[in-house]
Amino acid sequence: MYPEDRYYTKSHEWIKVEGNHAMVGVTYYAQEQLVEVVFVELPEPGMEVKAGDGIAVLESVKAVSDIYAPVSGTILEVNKKLEDQPELINKDPYGEGWIFSLEIIQKEEIDKLIRATEYQSLIENEPK
């Protein structure tokens, strides 16, 4: 359920790193908590972000949730499909439901992220 080829944050974002570039989205757990995503506010390409910055917003029938940058970088691309199909986040959070890509500025920040098994333990201990 939580792909091993990614890193995770305690705020429920995933990041798939390839060299100095990374794709970012929300985890299966996050989309499940939101229930039905109905709107996505995307960041602007070219925007420089720091790890922990709130840079996107997901609106669902249940709540509004900020999406945070897992690492510092420059936004390269956003998933424009989400403007017309926000439900892709619910249907395919690790594929078609990705939110943005970025060029990583401080690669050492990846070491502060958690792996799939640690993330799985984290959500199992979340209050219900």
Protein backbone atom coordinates (compact mmCIF):
# COMPACT_ATOMS: atom_id res chain seq x y z
CA MET A 1 0.00 0.00 0.00
CA TYR A 2 2.96 2.34 0.64
CA PRO A 3 5.48 2.03 -2.19
CA GLU A 4 9.02 1.29 -1.02
CA ASP A 5 10.58 3.53 -3.71
CA ARG A 6 9.40 6.71 -1.95
CA TYR A 7 10.01 8.72 1.15
CA TYR A 8 7.21 9.95 3.40
CA THR A 9 6.52 12.84 5.75
CA LYS A 10 4.69 12.82 9.06
CA SER A 11 2.20 15.21 7.44
CA HIS A 12 1.32 12.45 4.90
CA GLU A 13 3.08 13.58 1.70
CA TRP A 14 5.16 11.19 -0.40
CA ILE A 15 8.18 12.08 -2.48
CA LYS A 16 9.77 9.98 -5.22
CA VAL A 17 13.34 11.10 -5.82
CA GLU A 18 15.22 10.66 -9.11
CA GLY A 19 18.57 12.45 -9.04
CA ASN A 20 17.89 16.11 -8.20
CA HIS A 21 14.24 15.92 -9.24
CA ALA A 22 11.28 14.64 -7.28
CA MET A 23 7.56 14.00 -7.70
CA VAL A 24 5.30 14.80 -4.73
CA GLY A 25 1.80 13.75 -3.78
CA VAL A 26 -0.25 12.67 -0.79
CA THR A 27 -0.36 9.18 0.64
CA TYR A 28 -3.18 6.70 0.39
CA TYR A 29 -3.85 7.32 4.09
CA ALA A 30 -4.16 11.09 3.54
CA GLN A 31 -6.61 10.79 0.64
CA GLU A 32 -8.61 8.23 2.60
CA GLN A 33 -8.92 10.66 5.54
CA LEU A 34 -10.03 13.46 3.22
CA VAL A 35 -12.65 11.18 1.64
CA GLU A 36 -13.58 12.81 -1.71
CA VAL A 37 -11.18 15.49 -3.03
CA VAL A 38 -13.20 18.11 -4.93
CA PHE A 39 -10.67 20.92 -5.51
CA VAL A 40 -6.88 21.30 -5.67
CA GLU A 41 -5.04 24.61 -5.37
CA LEU A 42 -1.70 24.02 -7.10
CA PRO A 43 1.58 25.88 -6.53
CA GLU A 44 3.11 28.02 -9.29
CA PRO A 45 5.94 26.56 -11.39
CA GLY A 46 9.18 28.43 -10.68
CA MET A 47 8.20 29.02 -7.05
CA GLU A 48 11.03 28.38 -4.56
CA VAL A 49 9.93 26.50 -1.45
CA LYS A 50 11.53 25.44 1.81
CA ALA A 51 10.93 22.09 3.49
CA GLY A 52 7.77 22.37 5.56
CA ASP A 53 6.25 25.27 3.59
CA GLY A 54 2.53 24.96 2.87
CA ILE A 55 2.42 25.13 -0.92
CA ALA A 56 -0.81 23.53 -2.11
CA VAL A 57 -4.32 22.99 -0.77
CA LEU A 58 -6.68 20.04 -1.11
CA GLU A 59 -10.36 20.63 -0.52
CA SER A 60 -12.63 17.69 0.09
CA VAL A 61 -16.22 17.11 1.11
CA LYS A 62 -14.87 16.59 4.63
CA ALA A 63 -12.03 19.13 5.14
CA VAL A 64 -9.48 21.53 3.69
CA SER A 65 -5.88 20.35 4.00
CA ASP A 66 -2.56 22.03 3.31
CA ILE A 67 0.12 20.16 1.38
CA TYR A 68 3.66 20.80 2.57
CA ALA A 69 6.97 20.69 0.72
CA PRO A 70 8.86 17.60 1.90
CA VAL A 71 12.19 19.20 0.90
CA SER A 72 13.44 22.58 -0.28
CA GLY A 73 13.45 23.20 -4.00
CA THR A 74 12.01 24.91 -7.04
CA ILE A 75 8.62 23.84 -8.38
CA LEU A 76 9.17 22.50 -11.91
CA GLU A 77 5.73 21.27 -12.90
CA VAL A 78 2.24 20.88 -11.50
CA ASN A 79 -0.33 18.24 -12.37
CA LYS A 80 -2.78 20.34 -14.41
CA LYS A 81 -5.11 17.32 -14.74
CA LEU A 82 -6.09 17.89 -11.11
CA GLU A 83 -7.76 21.19 -12.01
CA ASP A 84 -10.51 19.31 -13.88
CA GLN A 85 -10.11 15.90 -12.21
CA PRO A 86 -9.27 16.38 -8.51
CA GLU A 87 -10.64 12.89 -7.88
CA LEU A 88 -7.42 11.47 -9.37
CA ILE A 89 -5.90 12.00 -5.91
CA ASN A 90 -8.42 9.52 -4.50
CA LYS A 91 -8.29 7.10 -7.44
CA ASP A 92 -4.49 6.94 -7.91
CA PRO A 93 -2.55 8.87 -5.23
CA TYR A 94 0.82 7.35 -6.27
CA GLY A 95 0.36 7.71 -10.02
CA GLU A 96 -2.03 10.01 -11.91
CA GLY A 97 -2.80 11.85 -8.65
CA TRP A 98 0.69 13.31 -8.17
CA ILE A 99 0.55 17.02 -7.29
CA PHE A 100 3.85 18.66 -8.30
CA SER A 101 7.47 18.02 -9.18
CA LEU A 102 10.44 19.96 -7.96
CA GLU A 103 14.16 20.36 -8.35
CA ILE A 104 15.75 19.57 -4.99
CA ILE A 105 18.02 22.28 -3.59
CA GLN A 106 19.20 20.57 -0.38
CA LYS A 107 19.50 16.84 -1.02
CA GLU A 108 20.51 16.16 2.61
CA GLU A 109 16.94 17.01 3.68
CA ILE A 110 15.87 13.65 2.25
CA ASP A 111 17.63 12.00 5.20
CA LYS A 112 15.05 13.60 7.52
CA LEU A 113 12.15 11.84 5.76
CA ILE A 114 10.84 8.39 6.65
CA ARG A 115 10.62 5.16 4.67
CA ALA A 116 7.51 3.07 3.97
CA THR A 117 7.78 0.72 6.97
CA GLU A 118 8.25 3.61 9.40
CA TYR A 119 5.37 5.49 7.77
CA GLN A 120 3.13 2.41 8.08
CA SER A 121 3.93 2.26 11.83
CA LEU A 122 3.21 5.97 12.15
CA ILE A 123 -0.31 5.72 10.69
CA GLU A 124 -1.12 2.56 12.62
CA ASN A 125 -0.55 4.58 15.79
CA GLU A 126 -2.64 7.58 14.64
CA PRO A 127 -5.65 8.26 16.88
CA LYS A 128 -8.82 6.96 15.27
